[in-house]
PDB file of N, CA and C in Angstrom:
ATOM      1  N   UNK A   1     104.461  91.135 123.760  1.00  0.00           N
ATOM      2  CA  UNK A   1     103.866  91.331 122.510  1.00  0.00           C
ATOM      3  C   UNK A   1     103.691  92.891 122.244  1.00  0.00           C
ATOM      4  N   UNK A   2     103.911  93.263 120.965  1.00  0.00           N
ATOM      5  CA  UNK A   2     103.808  94.882 120.911  1.00  0.00           C
ATOM      6  C   UNK A   2     102.288  95.182 120.876  1.00  0.00           C
ATOM      7  N   UNK A   3     102.125  96.425 121.330  1.00  0.00           N
ATOM      8  CA  UNK A   3     100.588  96.789 121.524  1.00  0.00           C
ATOM      9  C   UNK A   3     100.185  97.306 120.105  1.00  0.00           C
ATOM     10  N   UNK A   4      98.803  97.253 120.228  1.00  0.00           N
ATOM     11  CA  UNK A   4      98.412  97.942 118.859  1.00  0.00           C
ATOM     12  C   UNK A   4      98.918  99.345 118.347  1.00  0.00           C
ATOM     13  N   UNK A   5      99.103 100.122 119.642  1.00  0.00           N
ATOM     14  CA  UNK A   5      99.373 101.549 119.353  1.00  0.00           C
ATOM     15  C   UNK A   5     100.762 101.726 118.800  1.00  0.00           C
ATOM     16  N   UNK A   6     101.731 100.540 119.233  1.00  0.00           N
ATOM     17  CA  UNK A   6     103.023 100.551 118.683  1.00  0.00           C
ATOM     18  C   UNK A   6     102.980  99.926 117.298  1.00  0.00           C
ATOM     19  N   UNK A   7     102.060  99.001 117.002  1.00  0.00           N
ATOM     20  CA  UNK A   7     101.991  98.490 115.407  1.00  0.00           C
ATOM     21  C   UNK A   7     101.317 100.001 114.593  1.00  0.00           C
ATOM     22  N   UNK A   8     100.332 100.219 115.154  1.00  0.00           N
ATOM     23  CA  UNK A   8     100.000 101.596 114.202  1.00  0.00           C
ATOM     24  C   UNK A   8     101.142 102.655 114.101  1.00  0.00           C
ATOM     25  N   UNK A   9     101.776 103.056 115.142  1.00  0.00           N
ATOM     26  CA  UNK A   9     102.375 104.079 114.904  1.00  0.00           C
ATOM     27  C   UNK A   9     103.768 103.496 113.841  1.00  0.00           C
ATOM     28  N   UNK A  10     104.286 102.334 113.735  1.00  0.00           N
ATOM     29  CA  UNK A  10     105.300 101.891 113.074  1.00  0.00           C
ATOM     30  C   UNK A  10     104.681 101.737 111.562  1.00  0.00           C
ATOM     31  N   UNK A  11     103.257 101.519 111.326  1.00  0.00           N
ATOM     32  CA  UNK A  11     102.683 101.686 110.114  1.00  0.00           C
ATOM     33  C   UNK A  11     102.747 103.035 109.649  1.00  0.00           C
ATOM     34  N   UNK A  12     102.104 103.829 110.425  1.00  0.00           N
ATOM     35  CA  UNK A  12     102.182 105.286 110.034  1.00  0.00           C
ATOM     36  C   UNK A  12     103.660 105.715 109.642  1.00  0.00           C
ATOM     37  N   UNK A  13     104.813 105.365 110.320  1.00  0.00           N
ATOM     38  CA  UNK A  13     106.138 105.873 110.099  1.00  0.00           C
ATOM     39  C   UNK A  13     106.338 105.306 108.867  1.00  0.00           C
ATOM     40  N   UNK A  14     106.174 103.973 108.538  1.00  0.00           N
ATOM     41  CA  UNK A  14     106.595 103.424 107.440  1.00  0.00           C
ATOM     42  C   UNK A  14     105.820 104.057 106.135  1.00  0.00           C
ATOM     43  N   UNK A  15     104.782 104.519 106.448  1.00  0.00           N
ATOM     44  CA  UNK A  15     104.014 104.905 105.332  1.00  0.00           C
ATOM     45  C   UNK A  15     104.241 106.487 105.359  1.00  0.00           C
ATOM     46  N   UNK A  16     104.874 107.149 106.428  1.00  0.00           N
ATOM     47  CA  UNK A  16     105.541 108.297 105.965  1.00  0.00           C
ATOM     48  C   UNK A  16     106.940 108.332 105.392  1.00  0.00           C
ATOM     49  N   UNK A  17     107.576 107.459 105.663  1.00  0.00           N
ATOM     50  CA  UNK A  17     108.882 107.363 105.129  1.00  0.00           C
ATOM     51  C   UNK A  17     108.650 107.189 103.424  1.00  0.00           C
ATOM     52  N   UNK A  18     107.781 106.127 103.283  1.00  0.00           N
ATOM     53  CA  UNK A  18     107.693 106.103 101.676  1.00  0.00           C
ATOM     54  C   UNK A  18     107.213 107.193 101.169  1.00  0.00           C
ATOM     55  N   UNK A  19     106.251 107.965 101.572  1.00  0.00           N
ATOM     56  CA  UNK A  19     105.722 109.220 101.165  1.00  0.00           C
ATOM     57  C   UNK A  19     106.694 110.319 100.987  1.00  0.00           C
ATOM     58  N   UNK A  20     107.390 110.454 102.174  1.00  0.00           N
ATOM     59  CA  UNK A  20     108.778 111.306 101.820  1.00  0.00           C
ATOM     60  C   UNK A  20     109.825 111.070 101.026  1.00  0.00           C
ATOM     61  N   UNK A  21     109.932 109.870 100.793  1.00  0.00           N
ATOM     62  CA  UNK A  21     110.938 109.339  99.539  1.00  0.00           C
ATOM     63  C   UNK A  21     110.314 109.798  98.132  1.00  0.00           C
ATOM     64  N   UNK A  22     108.984 109.573  98.159  1.00  0.00           N
ATOM     65  CA  UNK A  22     108.332 109.687  97.128  1.00  0.00           C
ATOM     66  C   UNK A  22     108.261 111.244  96.534  1.00  0.00           C
ATOM     67  N   UNK A  23     108.153 112.216  97.531  1.00  0.00           N
ATOM     68  CA  UNK A  23     108.034 113.620  97.342  1.00  0.00           C
ATOM     69  C   UNK A  23     109.737 114.011  97.209  1.00  0.00           C
ATOM     70  N   UNK A  24     110.426 113.733  98.166  1.00  0.00           N
ATOM     71  CA  UNK A  24     111.742 114.382  98.054  1.00  0.00           C
ATOM     72  C   UNK A  24     112.464 113.769  97.060  1.00  0.00           C
ATOM     73  N   UNK A  25     112.619 112.487  96.835  1.00  0.00           N
ATOM     74  CA  UNK A  25     113.720 111.859  96.169  1.00  0.00           C
ATOM     75  C   UNK A  25     113.104 111.505  94.505  1.00  0.00           C
ATOM     76  N   UNK A  26     112.057 110.768  94.515  1.00  0.00           N
ATOM     77  CA  UNK A  26     111.699 110.140  93.589  1.00  0.00           C
ATOM     78  C   UNK A  26     110.905 111.293  92.705  1.00  0.00           C
ATOM     79  N   UNK A  27     110.293 112.410  93.214  1.00  0.00           N
ATOM     80  CA  UNK A  27     109.327 113.181  92.661  1.00  0.00           C
ATOM     81  C   UNK A  27     108.302 112.561  91.931  1.00  0.00           C
ATOM     82  N   UNK A  28     107.647 111.578  92.702  1.00  0.00           N
ATOM     83  CA  UNK A  28     106.303 111.103  92.059  1.00  0.00           C
ATOM     84  C   UNK A  28     105.265 110.934  93.408  1.00  0.00           C
ATOM     85  N   UNK A  29     104.786 112.394  93.569  1.00  0.00           N
ATOM     86  CA  UNK A  29     103.973 112.591  94.808  1.00  0.00           C
ATOM     87  C   UNK A  29     102.629 111.622  94.981  1.00  0.00           C
ATOM     88  N   UNK A  30     101.938 111.523  93.590  1.00  0.00           N
ATOM     89  CA  UNK A  30     100.771 110.714  93.570  1.00  0.00           C
ATOM     90  C   UNK A  30     100.938 109.323  93.797  1.00  0.00           C
ATOM     91  N   UNK A  31     101.979 108.955  93.249  1.00  0.00           N
ATOM     92  CA  UNK A  31     102.373 107.462  93.493  1.00  0.00           C
ATOM     93  C   UNK A  31     102.627 107.117  94.802  1.00  0.00           C
ATOM     94  N   UNK A  32     103.512 108.042  95.228  1.00  0.00           N
ATOM     95  CA  UNK A  32     103.915 107.914  96.774  1.00  0.00           C
ATOM     96  C   UNK A  32     102.802 108.001  97.629  1.00  0.00           C
ATOM     97  N   UNK A  33     101.566 108.492  97.296  1.00  0.00           N
ATOM     98  CA  UNK A  33     100.580 108.859  98.274  1.00  0.00           C
ATOM     99  C   UNK A  33      99.911 107.276  98.158  1.00  0.00           C
ATOM    100  N   UNK A  34      99.872 106.813  96.940  1.00  0.00           N
ATOM    101  CA  UNK A  34      98.927 105.461  96.747  1.00  0.00           C
ATOM    102  C   UNK A  34      99.718 104.319  97.428  1.00  0.00           C
ATOM    103  N   UNK A  35     101.190 104.346  97.271  1.00  0.00           N
ATOM    104  CA  UNK A  35     101.838 103.243  97.924  1.00  0.00           C
ATOM    105  C   UNK A  35     101.855 103.482  99.545  1.00  0.00           C
ATOM    106  N   UNK A  36     102.032 104.791 100.092  1.00  0.00           N
ATOM    107  CA  UNK A  36     101.847 104.900 101.505  1.00  0.00           C
ATOM    108  C   UNK A  36     100.411 104.508 101.934  1.00  0.00           C
ATOM    109  N   UNK A  37      99.427 104.790 101.120  1.00  0.00           N
ATOM    110  CA  UNK A  37      98.110 104.469 101.647  1.00  0.00           C
ATOM    111  C   UNK A  37      97.662 102.835 101.482  1.00  0.00           C
ATOM    112  N   UNK A  38      98.477 102.224 100.492  1.00  0.00           N
ATOM    113  CA  UNK A  38      98.357 100.835 100.428  1.00  0.00           C
ATOM    114  C   UNK A  38      99.166 100.325 101.567  1.00  0.00           C
ATOM    115  N   UNK A  39     100.180 100.714 102.038  1.00  0.00           N
ATOM    116  CA  UNK A  39     101.122 100.235 103.022  1.00  0.00           C
ATOM    117  C   UNK A  39     100.389 100.068 104.325  1.00  0.00           C
ATOM    118  N   UNK A  40      99.785 101.400 104.525  1.00  0.00           N
ATOM    119  CA  UNK A  40      98.944 101.557 105.913  1.00  0.00           C
ATOM    120  C   UNK A  40      97.559 100.720 105.841  1.00  0.00           C
ATOM    121  N   UNK A  41      97.113 100.567 104.856  1.00  0.00           N
ATOM    122  CA  UNK A  41      96.173  99.569 104.613  1.00  0.00           C
ATOM    123  C   UNK A  41      96.464  98.050 104.760  1.00  0.00           C
ATOM    124  N   UNK A  42      97.467  97.723 104.381  1.00  0.00           N
ATOM    125  CA  UNK A  42      97.977  96.277 104.504  1.00  0.00           C
ATOM    126  C   UNK A  42      98.242  96.172 106.178  1.00  0.00           C
ATOM    127  N   UNK A  43      98.891  96.960 106.623  1.00  0.00           N
ATOM    128  CA  UNK A  43      99.286  96.896 107.919  1.00  0.00           C
ATOM    129  C   UNK A  43      97.901  96.823 109.070  1.00  0.00           C
ATOM    130  N   UNK A  44      97.303  97.828 108.641  1.00  0.00           N
ATOM    131  CA  UNK A  44      95.833  97.915 109.397  1.00  0.00           C
ATOM    132  C   UNK A  44      95.055  96.477 109.344  1.00  0.00           C
ATOM    133  N   UNK A  45      95.082  96.108 108.105  1.00  0.00           N
ATOM    134  CA  UNK A  45      94.495  94.860 107.898  1.00  0.00           C
ATOM    135  C   UNK A  45      94.918  93.602 108.761  1.00  0.00           C
ATOM    136  N   UNK A  46      96.242  93.701 108.527  1.00  0.00           N
ATOM    137  CA  UNK A  46      96.870  92.352 109.355  1.00  0.00           C
ATOM    138  C   UNK A  46      96.599  92.704 110.640  1.00  0.00           C
ATOM    139  N   UNK A  47      96.874  93.826 111.202  1.00  0.00           N
ATOM    140  CA  UNK A  47      96.727  94.279 112.633  1.00  0.00           C
ATOM    141  C   UNK A  47      95.440  93.641 113.120  1.00  0.00           C
ATOM    142  N   UNK A  48      94.361  94.234 112.513  1.00  0.00           N
ATOM    143  CA  UNK A  48      93.124  93.856 112.875  1.00  0.00           C
ATOM    144  C   UNK A  48      92.560  92.456 112.721  1.00  0.00           C
ATOM    145  N   UNK A  49      92.839  91.412 111.549  1.00  0.00           N
ATOM    146  CA  UNK A  49      92.682  90.271 111.515  1.00  0.00           C
ATOM    147  C   UNK A  49      93.303  89.301 112.099  1.00  0.00           C
ATOM    148  N   UNK A  50      94.640  89.533 112.777  1.00  0.00           N
ATOM    149  CA  UNK A  50      95.499  88.855 113.613  1.00  0.00           C
ATOM    150  C   UNK A  50      95.104  88.637 114.979  1.00  0.00           C
ATOM    151  N   UNK A  51      94.960  87.742 115.755  1.00  0.00           N
ATOM    152  CA  UNK A  51      94.866  87.489 117.064  1.00  0.00           C
ATOM    153  C   UNK A  51      96.087  88.099 117.968  1.00  0.00           C
ATOM    154  N   UNK A  52      97.179  87.676 117.494  1.00  0.00           N
ATOM    155  CA  UNK A  52      98.390  88.101 118.210  1.00  0.00           C
ATOM    156  C   UNK A  52      99.277  88.807 117.345  1.00  0.00           C
ATOM    157  N   UNK A  53     100.662  88.104 117.188  1.00  0.00           N
ATOM    158  CA  UNK A  53     101.600  88.287 116.512  1.00  0.00           C
ATOM    159  C   UNK A  53     101.324  88.048 115.078  1.00  0.00           C
ATOM    160  N   UNK A  54     101.266  88.994 114.222  1.00  0.00           N
ATOM    161  CA  UNK A  54     100.751  88.493 112.701  1.00  0.00           C
ATOM    162  C   UNK A  54     101.745  87.593 112.113  1.00  0.00           C
ATOM    163  N   UNK A  55     103.033  87.672 112.705  1.00  0.00           N
ATOM    164  CA  UNK A  55     104.077  86.369 111.927  1.00  0.00           C
ATOM    165  C   UNK A  55     103.840  84.990 112.453  1.00  0.00           C
ATOM    166  N   UNK A  56     102.794  84.898 113.667  1.00  0.00           N
ATOM    167  CA  UNK A  56     102.376  83.726 113.967  1.00  0.00           C
ATOM    168  C   UNK A  56     101.451  82.982 113.280  1.00  0.00           C
ATOM    169  N   UNK A  57     100.843  83.638 112.156  1.00  0.00           N
ATOM    170  CA  UNK A  57      99.868  83.241 111.146  1.00  0.00           C
ATOM    171  C   UNK A  57     100.283  82.728 110.055  1.00  0.00           C
ATOM    172  N   UNK A  58     101.825  82.566 110.002  1.00  0.00           N
ATOM    173  CA  UNK A  58     102.572  82.024 108.941  1.00  0.00           C
ATOM    174  C   UNK A  58     103.549  80.991 109.557  1.00  0.00           C
ATOM    175  N   UNK A  59     103.752  79.919 108.833  1.00  0.00           N
ATOM    176  CA  UNK A  59     105.016  78.929 109.225  1.00  0.00           C
ATOM    177  C   UNK A  59     106.223  79.571 108.985  1.00  0.00           C
ATOM    178  N   UNK A  60     107.226  78.998 109.530  1.00  0.00           N
ATOM    179  CA  UNK A  60     108.502  79.367 109.481  1.00  0.00           C
ATOM    180  C   UNK A  60     108.806  79.175 108.010  1.00  0.00           C
ATOM    181  N   UNK A  61     108.806  78.309 107.500  1.00  0.00           N
ATOM    182  CA  UNK A  61     108.966  78.185 106.055  1.00  0.00           C
ATOM    183  C   UNK A  61     108.386  79.293 105.213  1.00  0.00           C
ATOM    184  N   UNK A  62     106.958  79.480 105.615  1.00  0.00           N
ATOM    185  CA  UNK A  62     106.506  80.688 104.523  1.00  0.00           C
ATOM    186  C   UNK A  62     107.036  82.130 104.990  1.00  0.00           C
ATOM    187  N   UNK A  63     107.232  82.508 106.047  1.00  0.00           N
ATOM    188  CA  UNK A  63     108.136  83.527 106.606  1.00  0.00           C
ATOM    189  C   UNK A  63     109.276  83.575 105.722  1.00  0.00           C
ATOM    190  N   UNK A  64     110.104  82.728 105.835  1.00  0.00           N
ATOM    191  CA  UNK A  64     111.376  82.739 105.088  1.00  0.00           C
ATOM    192  C   UNK A  64     111.201  82.813 103.607  1.00  0.00           C
ATOM    193  N   UNK A  65     110.609  81.964 102.962  1.00  0.00           N
ATOM    194  CA  UNK A  65     110.153  82.360 101.530  1.00  0.00           C
ATOM    195  C   UNK A  65     109.626  83.776 101.255  1.00  0.00           C
ATOM    196  N   UNK A  66     108.700  84.172 101.662  1.00  0.00           N
ATOM    197  CA  UNK A  66     108.044  85.431 101.570  1.00  0.00           C
ATOM    198  C   UNK A  66     109.460  86.544 102.221  1.00  0.00           C
ATOM    199  N   UNK A  67     110.054  86.521 102.892  1.00  0.00           N
ATOM    200  CA  UNK A  67     111.316  87.280 102.931  1.00  0.00           C
ATOM    201  C   UNK A  67     112.190  87.532 102.040  1.00  0.00           C
ATOM    202  N   UNK A  68     112.571  86.051 101.571  1.00  0.00           N
ATOM    203  CA  UNK A  68     113.530  86.117 100.247  1.00  0.00           C
ATOM    204  C   UNK A  68     112.840  86.683  98.994  1.00  0.00           C
ATOM    205  N   UNK A  69     111.548  86.312  98.923  1.00  0.00           N
ATOM    206  CA  UNK A  69     110.991  87.084  97.513  1.00  0.00           C
ATOM    207  C   UNK A  69     111.050  88.552  97.777  1.00  0.00           C
ATOM    208  N   UNK A  70     110.744  89.021  98.834  1.00  0.00           N
ATOM    209  CA  UNK A  70     110.565  90.467  99.032  1.00  0.00           C
ATOM    210  C   UNK A  70     112.040  91.108  99.046  1.00  0.00           C
ATOM    211  N   UNK A  71     112.884  90.371  99.246  1.00  0.00           N
ATOM    212  CA  UNK A  71     114.356  90.937  99.042  1.00  0.00           C
ATOM    213  C   UNK A  71     114.915  90.743  97.723  1.00  0.00           C
ATOM    214  N   UNK A  72     114.568  89.857  97.086  1.00  0.00           N
ATOM    215  CA  UNK A  72     114.563  89.879  95.441  1.00  0.00           C
ATOM    216  C   UNK A  72     114.084  90.906  94.858  1.00  0.00           C
ATOM    217  N   UNK A  73     112.717  91.135  94.879  1.00  0.00           N
ATOM    218  CA  UNK A  73     112.084  92.106  94.419  1.00  0.00           C
ATOM    219  C   UNK A  73     112.582  93.458  94.790  1.00  0.00           C
ATOM    220  N   UNK A  74     112.937  93.935  95.857  1.00  0.00           N
ATOM    221  CA  UNK A  74     113.494  94.769  96.326  1.00  0.00           C
ATOM    222  C   UNK A  74     114.688  95.187  95.653  1.00  0.00           C
ATOM    223  N   UNK A  75     115.514  94.404  95.565  1.00  0.00           N
ATOM    224  CA  UNK A  75     116.981  94.301  94.954  1.00  0.00           C
ATOM    225  C   UNK A  75     116.735  94.305  93.384  1.00  0.00           C
ATOM    226  N   UNK A  76     115.826  93.591  92.798  1.00  0.00           N
ATOM    227  CA  UNK A  76     115.471  94.008  91.558  1.00  0.00           C
ATOM    228  C   UNK A  76     115.094  95.184  91.255  1.00  0.00           C
ATOM    229  N   UNK A  77     114.182  95.761  91.936  1.00  0.00           N
ATOM    230  CA  UNK A  77     113.452  97.050  91.599  1.00  0.00           C
ATOM    231  C   UNK A  77     114.532  98.325  91.850  1.00  0.00           C
ATOM    232  N   UNK A  78     115.471  97.957  92.785  1.00  0.00           N
ATOM    233  CA  UNK A  78     116.652  99.056  92.801  1.00  0.00           C
ATOM    234  C   UNK A  78     117.398  98.983  91.812  1.00  0.00           C
ATOM    235  N   UNK A  79     118.270  97.825  91.494  1.00  0.00           N
ATOM    236  CA  UNK A  79     119.320  97.726  90.357  1.00  0.00           C
ATOM    237  C   UNK A  79     118.920  97.697  89.157  1.00  0.00           C
ATOM    238  N   UNK A  80     117.602  96.885  88.929  1.00  0.00           N
ATOM    239  CA  UNK A  80     117.484  96.884  87.179  1.00  0.00           C
ATOM    240  C   UNK A  80     116.069  97.837  86.989  1.00  0.00           C
ATOM    241  N   UNK A  81     115.071  97.868  87.824  1.00  0.00           N
ATOM    242  CA  UNK A  81     114.124  98.740  87.212  1.00  0.00           C
ATOM    243  C   UNK A  81     114.409 100.133  87.630  1.00  0.00           C
ATOM    244  N   UNK A  82     115.065 100.328  88.764  1.00  0.00           N
ATOM    245  CA  UNK A  82     115.540 101.924  89.244  1.00  0.00           C
ATOM    246  C   UNK A  82     114.125 102.585  89.620  1.00  0.00           C
ATOM    247  N   UNK A  83     113.323 101.692  90.438  1.00  0.00           N
ATOM    248  CA  UNK A  83     112.039 102.345  90.907  1.00  0.00           C
ATOM    249  C   UNK A  83     111.780 101.572  92.124  1.00  0.00           C
ATOM    250  N   UNK A  84     112.167 102.188  93.267  1.00  0.00           N
ATOM    251  CA  UNK A  84     112.097 101.831  94.623  1.00  0.00           C
ATOM    252  C   UNK A  84     110.754 101.975  94.983  1.00  0.00           C
ATOM    253  N   UNK A  85     109.918 102.898  94.642  1.00  0.00           N
ATOM    254  CA  UNK A  85     108.473 102.812  95.117  1.00  0.00           C
ATOM    255  C   UNK A  85     107.585 101.594  94.527  1.00  0.00           C
ATOM    256  N   UNK A  86     107.883 101.072  93.115  1.00  0.00           N
ATOM    257  CA  UNK A  86     107.153 100.053  92.533  1.00  0.00           C
ATOM    258  C   UNK A  86     107.755  99.040  93.325  1.00  0.00           C
ATOM    259  N   UNK A  87     109.089  98.592  93.727  1.00  0.00           N
ATOM    260  CA  UNK A  87     109.469  97.694  94.399  1.00  0.00           C
ATOM    261  C   UNK A  87     108.733  97.349  95.913  1.00  0.00           C
ATOM    262  N   UNK A  88     108.600  98.668  96.412  1.00  0.00           N
ATOM    263  CA  UNK A  88     107.676  98.477  97.976  1.00  0.00           C
ATOM    264  C   UNK A  88     106.345  98.389  97.717  1.00  0.00           C
ATOM    265  N   UNK A  89     105.877  98.696  96.570  1.00  0.00           N
ATOM    266  CA  UNK A  89     104.405  98.392  96.425  1.00  0.00           C
ATOM    267  C   UNK A  89     104.357  96.582  95.777  1.00  0.00           C
ATOM    268  N   UNK A  90     105.098  96.136  95.258  1.00  0.00           N
ATOM    269  CA  UNK A  90     105.097  94.713  94.745  1.00  0.00           C
ATOM    270  C   UNK A  90     105.255  93.993  96.022  1.00  0.00           C
ATOM    271  N   UNK A  91     106.176  94.428  96.919  1.00  0.00           N
ATOM    272  CA  UNK A  91     106.753  93.703  98.229  1.00  0.00           C
ATOM    273  C   UNK A  91     105.890  93.637  99.295  1.00  0.00           C
ATOM    274  N   UNK A  92     104.844  94.629  99.287  1.00  0.00           N
ATOM    275  CA  UNK A  92     103.528  94.860 100.109  1.00  0.00           C
ATOM    276  C   UNK A  92     102.639  93.843  99.441  1.00  0.00           C
ATOM    277  N   UNK A  93     102.484  93.728  98.238  1.00  0.00           N
ATOM    278  CA  UNK A  93     101.702  92.763  97.786  1.00  0.00           C
ATOM    279  C   UNK A  93     102.039  91.421  97.927  1.00  0.00           C
ATOM    280  N   UNK A  94     103.072  90.909  97.723  1.00  0.00           N
ATOM    281  CA  UNK A  94     103.664  89.805  98.339  1.00  0.00           C
ATOM    282  C   UNK A  94     103.363  89.297  99.794  1.00  0.00           C
ATOM    283  N   UNK A  95     103.930  90.222 100.476  1.00  0.00           N
ATOM    284  CA  UNK A  95     103.501  89.997 102.146  1.00  0.00           C
ATOM    285  C   UNK A  95     101.830  89.818 102.079  1.00  0.00           C
ATOM    286  N   UNK A  96     101.245  90.375 101.445  1.00  0.00           N
ATOM    287  CA  UNK A  96      99.573  90.453 101.549  1.00  0.00           C
ATOM    288  C   UNK A  96      99.253  88.929 100.993  1.00  0.00           C
ATOM    289  N   UNK A  97      99.800  88.353  99.942  1.00  0.00           N
ATOM    290  CA  UNK A  97      99.157  87.405  99.433  1.00  0.00           C
ATOM    291  C   UNK A  97      99.654  86.140 100.188  1.00  0.00           C
ATOM    292  N   UNK A  98     100.967  86.050 100.780  1.00  0.00           N
ATOM    293  CA  UNK A  98     101.579  85.383 101.562  1.00  0.00           C
ATOM    294  C   UNK A  98     100.637  84.957 102.679  1.00  0.00           C
ATOM    295  N   UNK A  99     100.497  86.318 103.345  1.00  0.00           N
ATOM    296  CA  UNK A  99      99.747  86.089 104.787  1.00  0.00           C
ATOM    297  C   UNK A  99      98.055  85.771 104.455  1.00  0.00           C
ATOM    298  N   UNK A 100      97.661  86.030 103.532  1.00  0.00           N
ATOM    299  CA  UNK A 100      96.121  85.726 103.055  1.00  0.00           C
ATOM    300  C   UNK A 100      96.099  84.381 102.713  1.00  0.00           C
ATOM    301  N   UNK A 101      96.909  83.795 102.285  1.00  0.00           N
ATOM    302  CA  UNK A 101      96.822  82.535 101.564  1.00  0.00           C
ATOM    303  C   UNK A 101      97.428  81.453 102.790  1.00  0.00           C
ATOM    304  N   UNK A 102      98.006  81.755 103.789  1.00  0.00           N
ATOM    305  CA  UNK A 102      98.503  81.130 104.762  1.00  0.00           C
ATOM    306  C   UNK A 102      97.614  79.941 105.246  1.00  0.00           C
ATOM    307  N   UNK A 103      97.827  78.662 105.472  1.00  0.00           N
ATOM    308  CA  UNK A 103      96.654  77.761 105.739  1.00  0.00           C
ATOM    309  C   UNK A 103      96.656  77.920 107.092  1.00  0.00           C
ATOM    310  N   UNK A 104      97.327  78.478 108.024  1.00  0.00           N
ATOM    311  CA  UNK A 104      97.210  78.603 109.531  1.00  0.00           C
ATOM    312  C   UNK A 104      97.023  80.124 109.864  1.00  0.00           C
ATOM    313  N   UNK A 105      96.549  81.023 109.043  1.00  0.00           N
ATOM    314  CA  UNK A 105      96.114  82.275 109.325  1.00  0.00           C
ATOM    315  C   UNK A 105      94.871  82.421 109.413  1.00  0.00           C
ATOM    316  N   UNK A 106      94.417  83.758 109.785  1.00  0.00           N
ATOM    317  CA  UNK A 106      93.273  84.242 110.274  1.00  0.00           C
ATOM    318  C   UNK A 106      92.153  84.023 108.967  1.00  0.00           C
ATOM    319  N   UNK A 107      92.540  84.123 107.867  1.00  0.00           N
ATOM    320  CA  UNK A 107      91.566  84.290 106.718  1.00  0.00           C
ATOM    321  C   UNK A 107      91.289  82.588 106.722  1.00  0.00           C
ATOM    322  N   UNK A 108      92.029  81.593 106.595  1.00  0.00           N
ATOM    323  CA  UNK A 108      92.103  80.263 106.684  1.00  0.00           C
ATOM    324  C   UNK A 108      90.948  79.662 107.735  1.00  0.00           C
ATOM    325  N   UNK A 109      91.477  80.522 108.985  1.00  0.00           N
ATOM    326  CA  UNK A 109      90.570  79.763 110.276  1.00  0.00           C
ATOM    327  C   UNK A 109      89.071  80.304 110.050  1.00  0.00           C
ATOM    328  N   UNK A 110      89.089  81.682 109.592  1.00  0.00           N
ATOM    329  CA  UNK A 110      87.493  81.985 109.193  1.00  0.00           C
ATOM    330  C   UNK A 110      87.040  81.219 108.041  1.00  0.00           C
ATOM    331  N   UNK A 111      87.621  81.052 107.215  1.00  0.00           N
ATOM    332  CA  UNK A 111      86.870  79.872 106.096  1.00  0.00           C
ATOM    333  C   UNK A 111      86.750  78.579 106.695  1.00  0.00           C
ATOM    334  N   UNK A 112      87.401  78.090 107.557  1.00  0.00           N
ATOM    335  CA  UNK A 112      87.101  76.737 108.266  1.00  0.00           C
ATOM    336  C   UNK A 112      85.934  76.736 109.158  1.00  0.00           C
ATOM    337  N   UNK A 113      85.690  77.943 109.643  1.00  0.00           N
ATOM    338  CA  UNK A 113      84.547  78.168 110.752  1.00  0.00           C
ATOM    339  C   UNK A 113      83.313  77.974 109.767  1.00  0.00           C
ATOM    340  N   UNK A 114      83.171  78.636 108.608  1.00  0.00           N
ATOM    341  CA  UNK A 114      81.933  78.579 107.645  1.00  0.00           C
ATOM    342  C   UNK A 114      81.533  77.229 107.202  1.00  0.00           C
TER     343      UNK A 114
END
């Protein structure tokens, strides 16, 4: 199981890559900062709320469907919309919604305890 430090570094690296893309290629600094911050916030939230591996909070079918939707969103954002940053933002929202609404995830367990 990866340590929290590795997950934190991975989230920071992904946010830095998105920010670098926004600054160097897309020339959209403010939008890049927003997307990078939201990616880091999402990773932090999932890491803090998950007891073990965050992927264990979703069923296999949910992971497959989420991955498929993310791939379609990213492909659409690159090919049709020509806005990779917007695609990354929408993909992050899709992952968050899938994780939050999972019936076996930490949010569902927390609500069941109440």
